[in-house]
Structures are given as structure tokens and as C-alpha cells.
Amino acid sequence: FVFPPVDEPPRTPDARRDSSRDAP
């Protein structure tokens, strides 16, 4: 949220699982 990604390319399911996001 503080540093929103720009034009992030689609990732593989495994990569997304390791870098999924949440926030307080």
C-alpha cells in the first residue's frame, strides 16, 4: 500500500503463493 507496484507482470501460481499480500 505504501509502495504500490507498477505494471507488475503476471506471476506463476507458486511465486504468487510465496508473495501474497495482506495489510493491517
mmCIF file of all heavy atoms, coordinates in Angstrom:
data_MODEL
# 
_entry.id   MODEL 
# 
loop_
_atom_site.group_PDB 
_atom_site.id 
_atom_site.type_symbol 
_atom_site.label_atom_id 
_atom_site.label_alt_id 
_atom_site.label_comp_id 
_atom_site.label_asym_id 
_atom_site.label_entity_id 
_atom_site.label_seq_id 
_atom_site.pdbx_PDB_ins_code 
_atom_site.Cartn_x 
_atom_site.Cartn_y 
_atom_site.Cartn_z 
_atom_site.occupancy 
_atom_site.B_iso_or_equiv 
_atom_site.pdbx_formal_charge 
_atom_site.auth_seq_id 
_atom_site.auth_comp_id 
_atom_site.auth_asym_id 
_atom_site.auth_atom_id 
_atom_site.pdbx_PDB_model_num 
ATOM 1   N N   . PHE A 1 1  ? 0.828  -1.207  0.000   1.00 0.00 ? 1  PHE A N   1 
ATOM 2   C CA  . PHE A 1 1  ? 0.000  0.000   0.000   1.00 0.00 ? 1  PHE A CA  1 
ATOM 3   C C   . PHE A 1 1  ? 0.862  1.257   0.000   1.00 0.00 ? 1  PHE A C   1 
ATOM 4   O O   . PHE A 1 1  ? 0.533  2.256   -0.623  1.00 0.00 ? 1  PHE A O   1 
ATOM 5   C CB  . PHE A 1 1  ? -0.939 0.009   1.202   1.00 0.00 ? 1  PHE A CB  1 
ATOM 6   C CG  . PHE A 1 1  ? -2.183 -0.801  1.001   1.00 0.00 ? 1  PHE A CG  1 
ATOM 7   C CD1 . PHE A 1 1  ? -2.265 -2.093  1.464   1.00 0.00 ? 1  PHE A CD1 1 
ATOM 8   C CD2 . PHE A 1 1  ? -3.261 -0.267  0.331   1.00 0.00 ? 1  PHE A CD2 1 
ATOM 9   C CE1 . PHE A 1 1  ? -3.409 -2.843  1.271   1.00 0.00 ? 1  PHE A CE1 1 
ATOM 10  C CE2 . PHE A 1 1  ? -4.413 -1.005  0.132   1.00 0.00 ? 1  PHE A CE2 1 
ATOM 11  C CZ  . PHE A 1 1  ? -4.485 -2.300  0.602   1.00 0.00 ? 1  PHE A CZ  1 
ATOM 12  N N   . VAL A 1 2  ? 1.958  1.208   0.717   1.00 0.00 ? 2  VAL A N   1 
ATOM 13  C CA  . VAL A 1 2  ? 2.827  2.377   0.787   1.00 0.00 ? 2  VAL A CA  1 
ATOM 14  C C   . VAL A 1 2  ? 3.583  2.573   -0.520  1.00 0.00 ? 2  VAL A C   1 
ATOM 15  O O   . VAL A 1 2  ? 3.744  3.684   -1.013  1.00 0.00 ? 2  VAL A O   1 
ATOM 16  C CB  . VAL A 1 2  ? 3.812  2.243   1.966   1.00 0.00 ? 2  VAL A CB  1 
ATOM 17  C CG1 . VAL A 1 2  ? 4.762  3.442   2.013   1.00 0.00 ? 2  VAL A CG1 1 
ATOM 18  C CG2 . VAL A 1 2  ? 3.054  2.119   3.285   1.00 0.00 ? 2  VAL A CG2 1 
ATOM 19  N N   . PHE A 1 3  ? 4.047  1.456   -1.089  1.00 0.00 ? 3  PHE A N   1 
ATOM 20  C CA  . PHE A 1 3  ? 4.780  1.499   -2.354  1.00 0.00 ? 3  PHE A CA  1 
ATOM 21  C C   . PHE A 1 3  ? 4.079  0.584   -3.355  1.00 0.00 ? 3  PHE A C   1 
ATOM 22  O O   . PHE A 1 3  ? 4.538  -0.523  -3.620  1.00 0.00 ? 3  PHE A O   1 
ATOM 23  C CB  . PHE A 1 3  ? 6.221  1.042   -2.158  1.00 0.00 ? 3  PHE A CB  1 
ATOM 24  C CG  . PHE A 1 3  ? 6.955  1.799   -1.091  1.00 0.00 ? 3  PHE A CG  1 
ATOM 25  C CD1 . PHE A 1 3  ? 7.204  1.214   0.145   1.00 0.00 ? 3  PHE A CD1 1 
ATOM 26  C CD2 . PHE A 1 3  ? 7.381  3.096   -1.305  1.00 0.00 ? 3  PHE A CD2 1 
ATOM 27  C CE1 . PHE A 1 3  ? 7.880  1.900   1.138   1.00 0.00 ? 3  PHE A CE1 1 
ATOM 28  C CE2 . PHE A 1 3  ? 8.051  3.793   -0.308  1.00 0.00 ? 3  PHE A CE2 1 
ATOM 29  C CZ  . PHE A 1 3  ? 8.303  3.206   0.917   1.00 0.00 ? 3  PHE A CZ  1 
ATOM 30  N N   . PRO A 1 4  ? 2.938  1.015   -3.914  1.00 0.00 ? 4  PRO A N   1 
ATOM 31  C CA  . PRO A 1 4  ? 2.174  0.144   -4.819  1.00 0.00 ? 4  PRO A CA  1 
ATOM 32  C C   . PRO A 1 4  ? 2.985  -0.238  -6.032  1.00 0.00 ? 4  PRO A C   1 
ATOM 33  O O   . PRO A 1 4  ? 3.703  0.581   -6.604  1.00 0.00 ? 4  PRO A O   1 
ATOM 34  C CB  . PRO A 1 4  ? 0.967  1.007   -5.204  1.00 0.00 ? 4  PRO A CB  1 
ATOM 35  C CG  . PRO A 1 4  ? 1.381  2.400   -4.916  1.00 0.00 ? 4  PRO A CG  1 
ATOM 36  C CD  . PRO A 1 4  ? 2.332  2.336   -3.770  1.00 0.00 ? 4  PRO A CD  1 
ATOM 37  N N   . PRO A 1 5  ? 2.920  -1.513  -6.460  1.00 0.00 ? 5  PRO A N   1 
ATOM 38  C CA  . PRO A 1 5  ? 3.666  -1.955  -7.631  1.00 0.00 ? 5  PRO A CA  1 
ATOM 39  C C   . PRO A 1 5  ? 3.118  -1.320  -8.896  1.00 0.00 ? 5  PRO A C   1 
ATOM 40  O O   . PRO A 1 5  ? 1.949  -0.971  -8.982  1.00 0.00 ? 5  PRO A O   1 
ATOM 41  C CB  . PRO A 1 5  ? 3.445  -3.481  -7.631  1.00 0.00 ? 5  PRO A CB  1 
ATOM 42  C CG  . PRO A 1 5  ? 2.179  -3.679  -6.876  1.00 0.00 ? 5  PRO A CG  1 
ATOM 43  C CD  . PRO A 1 5  ? 2.131  -2.579  -5.845  1.00 0.00 ? 5  PRO A CD  1 
ATOM 44  N N   . VAL A 1 6  ? 3.961  -1.166  -9.882  1.00 0.00 ? 6  VAL A N   1 
ATOM 45  C CA  . VAL A 1 6  ? 3.588  -0.568  -11.147 1.00 0.00 ? 6  VAL A CA  1 
ATOM 46  C C   . VAL A 1 6  ? 3.785  -1.582  -12.262 1.00 0.00 ? 6  VAL A C   1 
ATOM 47  O O   . VAL A 1 6  ? 4.874  -2.132  -12.426 1.00 0.00 ? 6  VAL A O   1 
ATOM 48  C CB  . VAL A 1 6  ? 4.435  0.690   -11.435 1.00 0.00 ? 6  VAL A CB  1 
ATOM 49  C CG1 . VAL A 1 6  ? 4.057  1.285   -12.783 1.00 0.00 ? 6  VAL A CG1 1 
ATOM 50  C CG2 . VAL A 1 6  ? 4.265  1.707   -10.323 1.00 0.00 ? 6  VAL A CG2 1 
ATOM 51  N N   . ASP A 1 7  ? 2.698  -1.817  -13.035 1.00 0.00 ? 7  ASP A N   1 
ATOM 52  C CA  . ASP A 1 7  ? 2.756  -2.713  -14.189 1.00 0.00 ? 7  ASP A CA  1 
ATOM 53  C C   . ASP A 1 7  ? 3.435  -4.032  -13.858 1.00 0.00 ? 7  ASP A C   1 
ATOM 54  O O   . ASP A 1 7  ? 4.326  -4.507  -14.551 1.00 0.00 ? 7  ASP A O   1 
ATOM 55  C CB  . ASP A 1 7  ? 3.489  -2.043  -15.354 1.00 0.00 ? 7  ASP A CB  1 
ATOM 56  C CG  . ASP A 1 7  ? 2.747  -0.808  -15.826 1.00 0.00 ? 7  ASP A CG  1 
ATOM 57  O OD1 . ASP A 1 7  ? 1.513  -0.806  -15.724 1.00 0.00 ? 7  ASP A OD1 1 
ATOM 58  O OD2 . ASP A 1 7  ? 3.402  0.133   -16.286 1.00 0.00 ? 7  ASP A OD2 1 
ATOM 59  N N   . GLU A 1 8  ? 3.046  -4.626  -12.757 1.00 0.00 ? 8  GLU A N   1 
ATOM 60  C CA  . GLU A 1 8  ? 3.632  -5.895  -12.355 1.00 0.00 ? 8  GLU A CA  1 
ATOM 61  C C   . GLU A 1 8  ? 3.177  -7.002  -13.292 1.00 0.00 ? 8  GLU A C   1 
ATOM 62  O O   . GLU A 1 8  ? 1.992  -7.193  -13.519 1.00 0.00 ? 8  GLU A O   1 
ATOM 63  C CB  . GLU A 1 8  ? 3.192  -6.221  -10.924 1.00 0.00 ? 8  GLU A CB  1 
ATOM 64  C CG  . GLU A 1 8  ? 3.750  -7.532  -10.399 1.00 0.00 ? 8  GLU A CG  1 
ATOM 65  C CD  . GLU A 1 8  ? 3.232  -7.820  -9.008  1.00 0.00 ? 8  GLU A CD  1 
ATOM 66  O OE1 . GLU A 1 8  ? 3.744  -7.202  -8.060  1.00 0.00 ? 8  GLU A OE1 1 
ATOM 67  O OE2 . GLU A 1 8  ? 2.315  -8.640  -8.881  1.00 0.00 ? 8  GLU A OE2 1 
ATOM 68  N N   . PRO A 1 9  ? 4.102  -7.768  -13.873 1.00 0.00 ? 9  PRO A N   1 
ATOM 69  C CA  . PRO A 1 9  ? 3.704  -8.837  -14.788 1.00 0.00 ? 9  PRO A CA  1 
ATOM 70  C C   . PRO A 1 9  ? 3.065  -9.980  -14.028 1.00 0.00 ? 9  PRO A C   1 
ATOM 71  O O   . PRO A 1 9  ? 3.316  -10.164 -12.838 1.00 0.00 ? 9  PRO A O   1 
ATOM 72  C CB  . PRO A 1 9  ? 5.043  -9.270  -15.414 1.00 0.00 ? 9  PRO A CB  1 
ATOM 73  C CG  . PRO A 1 9  ? 6.068  -8.937  -14.365 1.00 0.00 ? 9  PRO A CG  1 
ATOM 74  C CD  . PRO A 1 9  ? 5.562  -7.686  -13.707 1.00 0.00 ? 9  PRO A CD  1 
ATOM 75  N N   . PRO A 1 10 ? 2.219  -10.761 -14.689 1.00 0.00 ? 10 PRO A N   1 
ATOM 76  C CA  . PRO A 1 10 ? 1.622  -11.927 -14.033 1.00 0.00 ? 10 PRO A CA  1 
ATOM 77  C C   . PRO A 1 10 ? 2.694  -12.875 -13.546 1.00 0.00 ? 10 PRO A C   1 
ATOM 78  O O   . PRO A 1 10 ? 3.712  -13.073 -14.207 1.00 0.00 ? 10 PRO A O   1 
ATOM 79  C CB  . PRO A 1 10 ? 0.771  -12.556 -15.151 1.00 0.00 ? 10 PRO A CB  1 
ATOM 80  C CG  . PRO A 1 10 ? 0.522  -11.442 -16.100 1.00 0.00 ? 10 PRO A CG  1 
ATOM 81  C CD  . PRO A 1 10 ? 1.736  -10.581 -16.052 1.00 0.00 ? 10 PRO A CD  1 
ATOM 82  N N   . ARG A 1 11 ? 2.468  -13.459 -12.385 1.00 0.00 ? 11 ARG A N   1 
ATOM 83  C CA  . ARG A 1 11 ? 3.427  -14.400 -11.828 1.00 0.00 ? 11 ARG A CA  1 
ATOM 84  C C   . ARG A 1 11 ? 2.871  -15.810 -11.854 1.00 0.00 ? 11 ARG A C   1 
ATOM 85  O O   . ARG A 1 11 ? 1.687  -16.016 -12.011 1.00 0.00 ? 11 ARG A O   1 
ATOM 86  C CB  . ARG A 1 11 ? 3.759  -14.010 -10.378 1.00 0.00 ? 11 ARG A CB  1 
ATOM 87  C CG  . ARG A 1 11 ? 4.501  -12.699 -10.264 1.00 0.00 ? 11 ARG A CG  1 
ATOM 88  C CD  . ARG A 1 11 ? 4.475  -12.197 -8.839  1.00 0.00 ? 11 ARG A CD  1 
ATOM 89  N NE  . ARG A 1 11 ? 3.150  -11.700 -8.512  1.00 0.00 ? 11 ARG A NE  1 
ATOM 90  C CZ  . ARG A 1 11 ? 2.788  -11.362 -7.295  1.00 0.00 ? 11 ARG A CZ  1 
ATOM 91  N NH1 . ARG A 1 11 ? 3.631  -11.464 -6.298  1.00 0.00 ? 11 ARG A NH1 1 
ATOM 92  N NH2 . ARG A 1 11 ? 1.573  -10.909 -7.057  1.00 0.00 ? 11 ARG A NH2 1 
ATOM 93  N N   . THR A 1 12 ? 3.745  -16.759 -11.668 1.00 0.00 ? 12 THR A N   1 
ATOM 94  C CA  . THR A 1 12 ? 3.300  -18.140 -11.633 1.00 0.00 ? 12 THR A CA  1 
ATOM 95  C C   . THR A 1 12 ? 2.543  -18.375 -10.345 1.00 0.00 ? 12 THR A C   1 
ATOM 96  O O   . THR A 1 12 ? 2.739  -17.651 -9.354  1.00 0.00 ? 12 THR A O   1 
ATOM 97  C CB  . THR A 1 12 ? 4.501  -19.097 -11.681 1.00 0.00 ? 12 THR A CB  1 
ATOM 98  O OG1 . THR A 1 12 ? 5.292  -18.880 -10.503 1.00 0.00 ? 12 THR A OG1 1 
ATOM 99  C CG2 . THR A 1 12 ? 5.350  -18.833 -12.923 1.00 0.00 ? 12 THR A CG2 1 
ATOM 100 N N   . PRO A 1 13 ? 1.667  -19.395 -10.295 1.00 0.00 ? 13 PRO A N   1 
ATOM 101 C CA  . PRO A 1 13 ? 0.925  -19.661 -9.058  1.00 0.00 ? 13 PRO A CA  1 
ATOM 102 C C   . PRO A 1 13 ? 1.836  -19.870 -7.864  1.00 0.00 ? 13 PRO A C   1 
ATOM 103 O O   . PRO A 1 13 ? 1.570  -19.395 -6.774  1.00 0.00 ? 13 PRO A O   1 
ATOM 104 C CB  . PRO A 1 13 ? 0.117  -20.921 -9.409  1.00 0.00 ? 13 PRO A CB  1 
ATOM 105 C CG  . PRO A 1 13 ? -0.039 -20.858 -10.902 1.00 0.00 ? 13 PRO A CG  1 
ATOM 106 C CD  . PRO A 1 13 ? 1.233  -20.236 -11.403 1.00 0.00 ? 13 PRO A CD  1 
ATOM 107 N N   . ASP A 1 14 ? 2.970  -20.577 -8.050  1.00 0.00 ? 14 ASP A N   1 
ATOM 108 C CA  . ASP A 1 14 ? 3.863  -20.830 -6.926  1.00 0.00 ? 14 ASP A CA  1 
ATOM 109 C C   . ASP A 1 14 ? 4.501  -19.547 -6.425  1.00 0.00 ? 14 ASP A C   1 
ATOM 110 O O   . ASP A 1 14 ? 4.613  -19.304 -5.234  1.00 0.00 ? 14 ASP A O   1 
ATOM 111 C CB  . ASP A 1 14 ? 4.962  -21.811 -7.339  1.00 0.00 ? 14 ASP A CB  1 
ATOM 112 C CG  . ASP A 1 14 ? 4.409  -23.211 -7.513  1.00 0.00 ? 14 ASP A CG  1 
ATOM 113 O OD1 . ASP A 1 14 ? 3.339  -23.491 -6.953  1.00 0.00 ? 14 ASP A OD1 1 
ATOM 114 O OD2 . ASP A 1 14 ? 5.043  -24.009 -8.212  1.00 0.00 ? 14 ASP A OD2 1 
ATOM 115 N N   . ALA A 1 15 ? 4.906  -18.674 -7.379  1.00 0.00 ? 15 ALA A N   1 
ATOM 116 C CA  . ALA A 1 15 ? 5.517  -17.416 -6.971  1.00 0.00 ? 15 ALA A CA  1 
ATOM 117 C C   . ALA A 1 15 ? 4.510  -16.547 -6.247  1.00 0.00 ? 15 ALA A C   1 
ATOM 118 O O   . ALA A 1 15 ? 4.823  -15.894 -5.261  1.00 0.00 ? 15 ALA A O   1 
ATOM 119 C CB  . ALA A 1 15 ? 6.063  -16.681 -8.194  1.00 0.00 ? 15 ALA A CB  1 
ATOM 120 N N   . ARG A 1 16 ? 3.259  -16.551 -6.701  1.00 0.00 ? 16 ARG A N   1 
ATOM 121 C CA  . ARG A 1 16 ? 2.244  -15.712 -6.072  1.00 0.00 ? 16 ARG A CA  1 
ATOM 122 C C   . ARG A 1 16 ? 1.938  -16.214 -4.668  1.00 0.00 ? 16 ARG A C   1 
ATOM 123 O O   . ARG A 1 16 ? 1.697  -15.451 -3.759  1.00 0.00 ? 16 ARG A O   1 
ATOM 124 C CB  . ARG A 1 16 ? 0.964  -15.712 -6.907  1.00 0.00 ? 16 ARG A CB  1 
ATOM 125 C CG  . ARG A 1 16 ? -0.127 -14.860 -6.284  1.00 0.00 ? 16 ARG A CG  1 
ATOM 126 C CD  . ARG A 1 16 ? -1.264 -14.626 -7.226  1.00 0.00 ? 16 ARG A CD  1 
ATOM 127 N NE  . ARG A 1 16 ? -0.813 -13.800 -8.334  1.00 0.00 ? 16 ARG A NE  1 
ATOM 128 C CZ  . ARG A 1 16 ? -0.522 -14.297 -9.532  1.00 0.00 ? 16 ARG A CZ  1 
ATOM 129 N NH1 . ARG A 1 16 ? -0.645 -15.568 -9.766  1.00 0.00 ? 16 ARG A NH1 1 
ATOM 130 N NH2 . ARG A 1 16 ? -0.100 -13.508 -10.491 1.00 0.00 ? 16 ARG A NH2 1 
ATOM 131 N N   . ARG A 1 17 ? 1.972  -17.505 -4.511  1.00 0.00 ? 17 ARG A N   1 
ATOM 132 C CA  . ARG A 1 17 ? 1.677  -18.054 -3.201  1.00 0.00 ? 17 ARG A CA  1 
ATOM 133 C C   . ARG A 1 17 ? 2.721  -17.603 -2.188  1.00 0.00 ? 17 ARG A C   1 
ATOM 134 O O   . ARG A 1 17 ? 2.452  -17.381 -1.024  1.00 0.00 ? 17 ARG A O   1 
ATOM 135 C CB  . ARG A 1 17 ? 1.637  -19.579 -3.276  1.00 0.00 ? 17 ARG A CB  1 
ATOM 136 C CG  . ARG A 1 17 ? 1.070  -20.233 -2.034  1.00 0.00 ? 17 ARG A CG  1 
ATOM 137 C CD  . ARG A 1 17 ? 0.944  -21.740 -2.231  1.00 0.00 ? 17 ARG A CD  1 
ATOM 138 N NE  . ARG A 1 17 ? 0.066  -22.043 -3.330  1.00 0.00 ? 17 ARG A NE  1 
ATOM 139 C CZ  . ARG A 1 17 ? 0.461  -22.675 -4.440  1.00 0.00 ? 17 ARG A CZ  1 
ATOM 140 N NH1 . ARG A 1 17 ? 1.707  -23.028 -4.576  1.00 0.00 ? 17 ARG A NH1 1 
ATOM 141 N NH2 . ARG A 1 17 ? -0.390 -22.926 -5.399  1.00 0.00 ? 17 ARG A NH2 1 
ATOM 142 N N   . ASP A 1 18 ? 3.980  -17.440 -2.648  1.00 0.00 ? 18 ASP A N   1 
ATOM 143 C CA  . ASP A 1 18 ? 5.045  -17.036 -1.753  1.00 0.00 ? 18 ASP A CA  1 
ATOM 144 C C   . ASP A 1 18 ? 5.065  -15.545 -1.497  1.00 0.00 ? 18 ASP A C   1 
ATOM 145 O O   . ASP A 1 18 ? 5.698  -15.081 -0.565  1.00 0.00 ? 18 ASP A O   1 
ATOM 146 C CB  . ASP A 1 18 ? 6.402  -17.469 -2.329  1.00 0.00 ? 18 ASP A CB  1 
ATOM 147 C CG  . ASP A 1 18 ? 6.569  -18.975 -2.270  1.00 0.00 ? 18 ASP A CG  1 
ATOM 148 O OD1 . ASP A 1 18 ? 5.891  -19.608 -1.444  1.00 0.00 ? 18 ASP A OD1 1 
ATOM 149 O OD2 . ASP A 1 18 ? 7.358  -19.494 -3.061  1.00 0.00 ? 18 ASP A OD2 1 
ATOM 150 N N   . SER A 1 19 ? 4.395  -14.765 -2.338  1.00 0.00 ? 19 SER A N   1 
ATOM 151 C CA  . SER A 1 19 ? 4.466  -13.317 -2.179  1.00 0.00 ? 19 SER A CA  1 
ATOM 152 C C   . SER A 1 19 ? 3.097  -12.684 -2.067  1.00 0.00 ? 19 SER A C   1 
ATOM 153 O O   . SER A 1 19 ? 2.898  -11.536 -2.410  1.00 0.00 ? 19 SER A O   1 
ATOM 154 C CB  . SER A 1 19 ? 5.217  -12.700 -3.368  1.00 0.00 ? 19 SER A CB  1 
ATOM 155 O OG  . SER A 1 19 ? 4.543  -13.008 -4.574  1.00 0.00 ? 19 SER A OG  1 
ATOM 156 N N   . SER A 1 20 ? 2.102  -13.435 -1.611  1.00 0.00 ? 20 SER A N   1 
ATOM 157 C CA  . SER A 1 20 ? 0.765  -12.872 -1.454  1.00 0.00 ? 20 SER A CA  1 
ATOM 158 C C   . SER A 1 20 ? 0.783  -11.791 -0.404  1.00 0.00 ? 20 SER A C   1 
ATOM 159 O O   . SER A 1 20 ? 1.608  -11.777 0.486   1.00 0.00 ? 20 SER A O   1 
ATOM 160 C CB  . SER A 1 20 ? -0.225 -13.977 -1.083  1.00 0.00 ? 20 SER A CB  1 
ATOM 161 O OG  . SER A 1 20 ? 0.233  -14.668 0.046   1.00 0.00 ? 20 SER A OG  1 
ATOM 162 N N   . ARG A 1 21 ? -0.200 -10.861 -0.511  1.00 0.00 ? 21 ARG A N   1 
ATOM 163 C CA  . ARG A 1 21 ? -0.150 -9.659  0.311   1.00 0.00 ? 21 ARG A CA  1 
ATOM 164 C C   . ARG A 1 21 ? -1.297 -9.618  1.317   1.00 0.00 ? 21 ARG A C   1 
ATOM 165 O O   . ARG A 1 21 ? -2.360 -10.127 1.084   1.00 0.00 ? 21 ARG A O   1 
ATOM 166 C CB  . ARG A 1 21 ? -0.221 -8.416  -0.579  1.00 0.00 ? 21 ARG A CB  1 
ATOM 167 C CG  . ARG A 1 21 ? 0.930  -8.320  -1.571  1.00 0.00 ? 21 ARG A CG  1 
ATOM 168 C CD  . ARG A 1 21 ? 0.723  -7.091  -2.429  1.00 0.00 ? 21 ARG A CD  1 
ATOM 169 N NE  . ARG A 1 21 ? 1.820  -6.908  -3.333  1.00 0.00 ? 21 ARG A NE  1 
ATOM 170 C CZ  . ARG A 1 21 ? 1.879  -7.446  -4.550  1.00 0.00 ? 21 ARG A CZ  1 
ATOM 171 N NH1 . ARG A 1 21 ? 0.906  -8.209  -4.976  1.00 0.00 ? 21 ARG A NH1 1 
ATOM 172 N NH2 . ARG A 1 21 ? 2.911  -7.223  -5.330  1.00 0.00 ? 21 ARG A NH2 1 
ATOM 173 N N   . ASP A 1 22 ? -1.044 -8.953  2.401   1.00 0.00 ? 22 ASP A N   1 
ATOM 174 C CA  . ASP A 1 22 ? -2.092 -8.610  3.357   1.00 0.00 ? 22 ASP A CA  1 
ATOM 175 C C   . ASP A 1 22 ? -1.702 -7.277  3.955   1.00 0.00 ? 22 ASP A C   1 
ATOM 176 O O   . ASP A 1 22 ? -0.633 -6.757  3.687   1.00 0.00 ? 22 ASP A O   1 
ATOM 177 C CB  . ASP A 1 22 ? -2.214 -9.688  4.435   1.00 0.00 ? 22 ASP A CB  1 
ATOM 178 C CG  . ASP A 1 22 ? -3.540 -9.635  5.135   1.00 0.00 ? 22 ASP A CG  1 
ATOM 179 O OD1 . ASP A 1 22 ? -4.279 -8.667  4.928   1.00 0.00 ? 22 ASP A OD1 1 
ATOM 180 O OD2 . ASP A 1 22 ? -3.835 -10.563 5.907   1.00 0.00 ? 22 ASP A OD2 1 
ATOM 181 N N   . ALA A 1 23 ? -2.556 -6.716  4.773   1.00 0.00 ? 23 ALA A N   1 
ATOM 182 C CA  . ALA A 1 23 ? -2.252 -5.436  5.391   1.00 0.00 ? 23 ALA A CA  1 
ATOM 183 C C   . ALA A 1 23 ? -2.956 -5.344  6.717   1.00 0.00 ? 23 ALA A C   1 
ATOM 184 O O   . ALA A 1 23 ? -3.985 -5.968  6.921   1.00 0.00 ? 23 ALA A O   1 
ATOM 185 C CB  . ALA A 1 23 ? -2.712 -4.293  4.487   1.00 0.00 ? 23 ALA A CB  1 
ATOM 186 N N   . PRO A 1 24 ? -2.422 -4.596  7.663   1.00 0.00 ? 24 PRO A N   1 
ATOM 187 C CA  . PRO A 1 24 ? -3.139 -4.367  8.908   1.00 0.00 ? 24 PRO A CA  1 
ATOM 188 C C   . PRO A 1 24 ? -4.434 -3.629  8.611   1.00 0.00 ? 24 PRO A C   1 
ATOM 189 O O   . PRO A 1 24 ? -4.600 -3.047  7.547   1.00 0.00 ? 24 PRO A O   1 
ATOM 190 C CB  . PRO A 1 24 ? -2.170 -3.529  9.739   1.00 0.00 ? 24 PRO A CB  1 
ATOM 191 C CG  . PRO A 1 24 ? -1.217 -2.955  8.755   1.00 0.00 ? 24 PRO A CG  1 
ATOM 192 C CD  . PRO A 1 24 ? -1.135 -3.923  7.630   1.00 0.00 ? 24 PRO A CD  1 
# 
